[in-house]
Amino acid sequence: METKGMTCKIPLDLHNRISEEIRETESTMSKFIEMIIREHYERGAEKGMGKNRTLAFQVSEELFQRVKEYLERYELVYGRRLTQREFIIGLIEQALEEAEEEFEAARAAGQEEQAANGWESGEPDEDTPDGEEPENWDGGNDTPGASGEEDRDEGAEPNTAENQEEA
């Protein structure tokens, strides 16, 4: 990769903070500045995607050290620093993609099982508008009077508001 130099003057206290972090991470000024600039542009691209939310949690010291060691090895192998943020977001996105695939597979298997057992999908009939029931549907009740109508003698008039006024 071709590189080009860049110089600038910054306040002494900021320079000292940067130098301390570089020593702690055993990095270089070039790698540090490159990381900061990349993060700046990546954040700018994310702002265009929508509102960001904070996801914060604590981990054990042992897990924290394992992550730190992984990130150091990553930099050695790939020649690019991977931030904790990039690493964790990548893990979350990967897990969510895998879970979505598993959910889809489980849903498909459930539909296959229902079809094999002769069950209907439970999805609404495309010919029936939302909120309406198909014609001749009694709600699955086979007991007399379960449809909301009382048993009537043949020839008896239906129970209407007009008939109730007469009674």
C-alpha atoms as a PDB file:
ATOM      1  CA  MET A   1       0.000   0.000   0.000  1.00  0.00           C
ATOM      2  CA  GLU A   2       1.365   3.396  -0.944  1.00  0.00           C
ATOM      3  CA  THR A   3       1.618   5.922   1.892  1.00  0.00           C
ATOM      4  CA  LYS A   4       2.151   9.655   2.191  1.00  0.00           C
ATOM      5  CA  GLY A   5       3.439  11.666   5.145  1.00  0.00           C
ATOM      6  CA  MET A   6       1.405  14.217   7.077  1.00  0.00           C
ATOM      7  CA  THR A   7       2.471  16.656   9.778  1.00  0.00           C
ATOM      8  CA  CYS A   8       0.557  18.893  12.135  1.00  0.00           C
ATOM      9  CA  LYS A   9       0.947  20.786  15.380  1.00  0.00           C
ATOM     10  CA  ILE A  10      -1.274  19.836  18.337  1.00  0.00           C
ATOM     11  CA  PRO A  11      -1.435  21.017  21.964  1.00  0.00           C
ATOM     12  CA  LEU A  12       1.254  19.479  24.188  1.00  0.00           C
ATOM     13  CA  ASP A  13      -1.222  17.829  26.616  1.00  0.00           C
ATOM     14  CA  LEU A  14      -2.973  16.072  23.724  1.00  0.00           C
ATOM     15  CA  HIS A  15       0.385  14.967  22.320  1.00  0.00           C
ATOM     16  CA  ASN A  16       1.328  13.511  25.720  1.00  0.00           C
ATOM     17  CA  ARG A  17      -1.969  11.588  25.962  1.00  0.00           C
ATOM     18  CA  ILE A  18      -1.492  10.162  22.477  1.00  0.00           C
ATOM     19  CA  SER A  19       2.131   9.222  23.171  1.00  0.00           C
ATOM     20  CA  GLU A  20       1.119   7.444  26.399  1.00  0.00           C
ATOM     21  CA  GLU A  21      -1.561   5.411  24.630  1.00  0.00           C
ATOM     22  CA  ILE A  22       0.855   4.484  21.854  1.00  0.00           C
ATOM     23  CA  ARG A  23       3.361   3.226  24.434  1.00  0.00           C
ATOM     24  CA  GLU A  24       0.663   1.228  26.281  1.00  0.00           C
ATOM     25  CA  THR A  25      -0.589  -0.437  23.108  1.00  0.00           C
ATOM     26  CA  GLU A  26       2.907  -0.878  21.678  1.00  0.00           C
ATOM     27  CA  SER A  27       1.752   0.793  18.486  1.00  0.00           C
ATOM     28  CA  THR A  28       3.249   3.553  16.347  1.00  0.00           C
ATOM     29  CA  MET A  29       2.221   7.145  15.707  1.00  0.00           C
ATOM     30  CA  SER A  30       1.377   6.272  12.096  1.00  0.00           C
ATOM     31  CA  LYS A  31      -0.874   3.365  13.065  1.00  0.00           C
ATOM     32  CA  PHE A  32      -2.533   5.416  15.793  1.00  0.00           C
ATOM     33  CA  ILE A  33      -3.297   8.388  13.538  1.00  0.00           C
ATOM     34  CA  GLU A  34      -4.522   6.054  10.777  1.00  0.00           C
ATOM     35  CA  MET A  35      -6.874   4.360  13.267  1.00  0.00           C
ATOM     36  CA  ILE A  36      -8.247   7.715  14.474  1.00  0.00           C
ATOM     37  CA  ILE A  37      -8.836   8.954  10.926  1.00  0.00           C
ATOM     38  CA  ARG A  38     -10.523   5.690   9.869  1.00  0.00           C
ATOM     39  CA  GLU A  39     -12.782   5.779  12.947  1.00  0.00           C
ATOM     40  CA  HIS A  40     -13.663   9.379  12.191  1.00  0.00           C
ATOM     41  CA  TYR A  41     -14.757   8.577   8.636  1.00  0.00           C
ATOM     42  CA  GLU A  42     -16.547   5.364   9.639  1.00  0.00           C
ATOM     43  CA  ARG A  43     -18.514   7.263  12.288  1.00  0.00           C
ATOM     44  CA  GLY A  44     -19.438   9.861   9.689  1.00  0.00           C
ATOM     45  CA  ALA A  45     -20.775   7.118   7.412  1.00  0.00           C
ATOM     46  CA  GLU A  46     -22.752   5.601  10.289  1.00  0.00           C
ATOM     47  CA  LYS A  47     -24.367   8.939  11.123  1.00  0.00           C
ATOM     48  CA  GLY A  48     -25.934   8.880   7.683  1.00  0.00           C
ATOM     49  CA  MET A  49     -27.449   5.462   8.432  1.00  0.00           C
ATOM     50  CA  GLY A  50     -29.551   6.603  11.367  1.00  0.00           C
ATOM     51  CA  LYS A  51     -29.514   7.133  15.088  1.00  0.00           C
ATOM     52  CA  ASN A  52     -26.884   5.264  17.083  1.00  0.00           C
ATOM     53  CA  ARG A  53     -27.558   3.748  20.488  1.00  0.00           C
ATOM     54  CA  THR A  54     -25.108   2.788  23.208  1.00  0.00           C
ATOM     55  CA  LEU A  55     -24.737  -0.843  24.192  1.00  0.00           C
ATOM     56  CA  ALA A  56     -22.615  -1.112  27.347  1.00  0.00           C
ATOM     57  CA  PHE A  57     -21.758  -4.098  29.500  1.00  0.00           C
ATOM     58  CA  GLN A  58     -19.051  -5.351  31.824  1.00  0.00           C
ATOM     59  CA  VAL A  59     -16.942  -8.443  31.312  1.00  0.00           C
ATOM     60  CA  SER A  60     -14.548 -10.362  33.514  1.00  0.00           C
ATOM     61  CA  GLU A  61     -10.890  -9.352  33.577  1.00  0.00           C
ATOM     62  CA  GLU A  62     -10.020 -12.699  31.993  1.00  0.00           C
ATOM     63  CA  LEU A  63     -12.367 -12.161  29.034  1.00  0.00           C
ATOM     64  CA  PHE A  64     -11.184  -8.576  28.643  1.00  0.00           C
ATOM     65  CA  GLN A  65      -7.561  -9.756  28.429  1.00  0.00           C
ATOM     66  CA  ARG A  66      -8.492 -12.448  25.892  1.00  0.00           C
ATOM     67  CA  VAL A  67     -10.152  -9.814  23.696  1.00  0.00           C
ATOM     68  CA  LYS A  68      -7.144  -7.516  24.050  1.00  0.00           C
ATOM     69  CA  GLU A  69      -4.767 -10.348  23.081  1.00  0.00           C
ATOM     70  CA  TYR A  70      -6.936 -11.249  20.095  1.00  0.00           C
ATOM     71  CA  LEU A  71      -6.906  -7.642  18.879  1.00  0.00           C
ATOM     72  CA  GLU A  72      -3.105  -7.515  19.207  1.00  0.00           C
ATOM     73  CA  ARG A  73      -2.734 -10.763  17.221  1.00  0.00           C
ATOM     74  CA  TYR A  74      -5.169  -9.431  14.619  1.00  0.00           C
ATOM     75  CA  GLU A  75      -2.978  -6.369  14.093  1.00  0.00           C
ATOM     76  CA  LEU A  76       0.154  -8.502  13.749  1.00  0.00           C
ATOM     77  CA  VAL A  77      -1.441 -10.875  11.243  1.00  0.00           C
ATOM     78  CA  TYR A  78      -3.432  -8.380   9.142  1.00  0.00           C
ATOM     79  CA  GLY A  79      -1.292  -5.260   9.588  1.00  0.00           C
ATOM     80  CA  ARG A  80      -4.317  -3.226  10.593  1.00  0.00           C
ATOM     81  CA  ARG A  81      -5.617  -2.368  14.019  1.00  0.00           C
ATOM     82  CA  LEU A  82      -9.093  -3.710  14.778  1.00  0.00           C
ATOM     83  CA  THR A  83     -10.858  -1.699  17.465  1.00  0.00           C
ATOM     84  CA  GLN A  84     -12.841  -3.280  20.284  1.00  0.00           C
ATOM     85  CA  ARG A  85     -15.919  -1.593  18.855  1.00  0.00           C
ATOM     86  CA  GLU A  86     -15.395  -3.062  15.365  1.00  0.00           C
ATOM     87  CA  PHE A  87     -14.703  -6.476  16.869  1.00  0.00           C
ATOM     88  CA  ILE A  88     -17.796  -6.569  19.114  1.00  0.00           C
ATOM     89  CA  ILE A  89     -20.123  -5.151  16.448  1.00  0.00           C
ATOM     90  CA  GLY A  90     -18.808  -7.757  14.005  1.00  0.00           C
ATOM     91  CA  LEU A  91     -19.505 -10.545  16.499  1.00  0.00           C
ATOM     92  CA  ILE A  92     -23.025  -9.272  17.178  1.00  0.00           C
ATOM     93  CA  GLU A  93     -23.835  -8.936  13.477  1.00  0.00           C
ATOM     94  CA  GLN A  94     -22.487 -12.421  12.772  1.00  0.00           C
ATOM     95  CA  ALA A  95     -24.522 -13.936  15.632  1.00  0.00           C
ATOM     96  CA  LEU A  96     -27.690 -12.161  14.498  1.00  0.00           C
ATOM     97  CA  GLU A  97     -27.252 -13.377  10.907  1.00  0.00           C
ATOM     98  CA  GLU A  98     -26.742 -16.955  12.119  1.00  0.00           C
ATOM     99  CA  ALA A  99     -29.770 -16.711  14.420  1.00  0.00           C
ATOM    100  CA  GLU A 100     -31.931 -15.382  11.581  1.00  0.00           C
ATOM    101  CA  GLU A 101     -30.914 -18.356   9.433  1.00  0.00           C
ATOM    102  CA  GLU A 102     -31.753 -20.734  12.303  1.00  0.00           C
ATOM    103  CA  PHE A 103     -35.140 -19.056  12.863  1.00  0.00           C
ATOM    104  CA  GLU A 104     -35.955 -19.330   9.155  1.00  0.00           C
ATOM    105  CA  ALA A 105     -34.939 -23.003   9.107  1.00  0.00           C
ATOM    106  CA  ALA A 106     -37.052 -23.722  12.212  1.00  0.00           C
ATOM    107  CA  ARG A 107     -40.047 -21.916  10.698  1.00  0.00           C
ATOM    108  CA  ALA A 108     -39.696 -23.869   7.445  1.00  0.00           C
ATOM    109  CA  ALA A 109     -39.376 -27.163   9.362  1.00  0.00           C
ATOM    110  CA  GLY A 110     -42.474 -26.301  11.391  1.00  0.00           C
ATOM    111  CA  GLN A 111     -44.454 -25.603   8.221  1.00  0.00           C
ATOM    112  CA  GLU A 112     -43.271 -28.877   6.683  1.00  0.00           C
ATOM    113  CA  GLU A 113     -44.321 -30.746   9.832  1.00  0.00           C
ATOM    114  CA  GLN A 114     -47.734 -29.073   9.798  1.00  0.00           C
ATOM    115  CA  ALA A 115     -48.200 -29.923   6.123  1.00  0.00           C
ATOM    116  CA  ALA A 116     -47.189 -33.533   6.767  1.00  0.00           C
ATOM    117  CA  ASN A 117     -49.755 -33.760   9.570  1.00  0.00           C
ATOM    118  CA  GLY A 118     -52.455 -32.151   7.447  1.00  0.00           C
ATOM    119  CA  TRP A 119     -52.568 -28.963   9.499  1.00  0.00           C
ATOM    120  CA  GLU A 120     -53.212 -25.650   7.849  1.00  0.00           C
ATOM    121  CA  SER A 121     -50.569 -22.962   8.001  1.00  0.00           C
ATOM    122  CA  GLY A 122     -52.620 -20.776  10.320  1.00  0.00           C
ATOM    123  CA  GLU A 123     -52.149 -17.889   7.939  1.00  0.00           C
ATOM    124  CA  PRO A 124     -55.225 -15.928   6.904  1.00  0.00           C
ATOM    125  CA  ASP A 125     -57.040 -16.904   3.733  1.00  0.00           C
ATOM    126  CA  GLU A 126     -56.004 -14.572   0.934  1.00  0.00           C
ATOM    127  CA  ASP A 127     -59.616 -14.335  -0.305  1.00  0.00           C
ATOM    128  CA  THR A 128     -60.963 -13.212   3.076  1.00  0.00           C
ATOM    129  CA  PRO A 129     -60.491  -9.543   4.003  1.00  0.00           C
ATOM    130  CA  ASP A 130     -58.807  -8.809   7.345  1.00  0.00           C
ATOM    131  CA  GLY A 131     -61.131  -8.976  10.335  1.00  0.00           C
ATOM    132  CA  GLU A 132     -63.808 -10.978   8.489  1.00  0.00           C
ATOM    133  CA  GLU A 133     -64.509 -14.654   8.758  1.00  0.00           C
ATOM    134  CA  PRO A 134     -65.084 -16.899   5.768  1.00  0.00           C
ATOM    135  CA  GLU A 135     -68.647 -17.701   4.795  1.00  0.00           C
ATOM    136  CA  ASN A 136     -70.206 -20.683   6.586  1.00  0.00           C
ATOM    137  CA  TRP A 137     -67.591 -20.476   9.316  1.00  0.00           C
ATOM    138  CA  ASP A 138     -68.901 -21.336  12.770  1.00  0.00           C
ATOM    139  CA  GLY A 139     -65.720 -20.709  14.708  1.00  0.00           C
ATOM    140  CA  GLY A 140     -65.008 -24.421  14.998  1.00  0.00           C
ATOM    141  CA  ASN A 141     -67.842 -25.032  17.471  1.00  0.00           C
ATOM    142  CA  ASP A 142     -69.937 -28.113  16.833  1.00  0.00           C
ATOM    143  CA  THR A 143     -72.249 -27.708  19.813  1.00  0.00           C
ATOM    144  CA  PRO A 144     -75.800 -26.442  19.285  1.00  0.00           C
ATOM    145  CA  GLY A 145     -76.181 -22.779  20.081  1.00  0.00           C
ATOM    146  CA  ALA A 146     -72.429 -22.238  20.091  1.00  0.00           C
ATOM    147  CA  SER A 147     -72.662 -19.897  17.122  1.00  0.00           C
ATOM    148  CA  GLY A 148     -74.384 -17.298  19.304  1.00  0.00           C
ATOM    149  CA  GLU A 149     -77.851 -18.154  18.037  1.00  0.00           C
ATOM    150  CA  GLU A 150     -80.290 -19.883  20.338  1.00  0.00           C
ATOM    151  CA  ASP A 151     -82.034 -23.016  19.169  1.00  0.00           C
ATOM    152  CA  ARG A 152     -85.378 -21.952  17.712  1.00  0.00           C
ATOM    153  CA  ASP A 153     -88.502 -23.814  16.909  1.00  0.00           C
ATOM    154  CA  GLU A 154     -89.082 -24.063  13.196  1.00  0.00           C
ATOM    155  CA  GLY A 155     -91.275 -21.252  12.093  1.00  0.00           C
ATOM    156  CA  ALA A 156     -90.275 -19.012  14.998  1.00  0.00           C
ATOM    157  CA  GLU A 157     -89.332 -15.561  13.939  1.00  0.00           C
ATOM    158  CA  PRO A 158     -85.770 -14.382  14.456  1.00  0.00           C
ATOM    159  CA  ASN A 159     -85.044 -12.378  17.589  1.00  0.00           C
ATOM    160  CA  THR A 160     -84.866  -8.791  16.308  1.00  0.00           C
ATOM    161  CA  ALA A 161     -85.226  -5.399  17.957  1.00  0.00           C
ATOM    162  CA  GLU A 162     -88.660  -4.995  16.323  1.00  0.00           C
ATOM    163  CA  ASN A 163     -89.907  -8.298  17.751  1.00  0.00           C
ATOM    164  CA  GLN A 164     -88.630  -7.422  21.240  1.00  0.00           C
ATOM    165  CA  GLU A 165     -90.642  -4.182  21.235  1.00  0.00           C
ATOM    166  CA  GLU A 166     -93.788  -6.147  20.468  1.00  0.00           C
ATOM    167  CA  ALA A 167     -93.161  -8.596  23.331  1.00  0.00           C
END
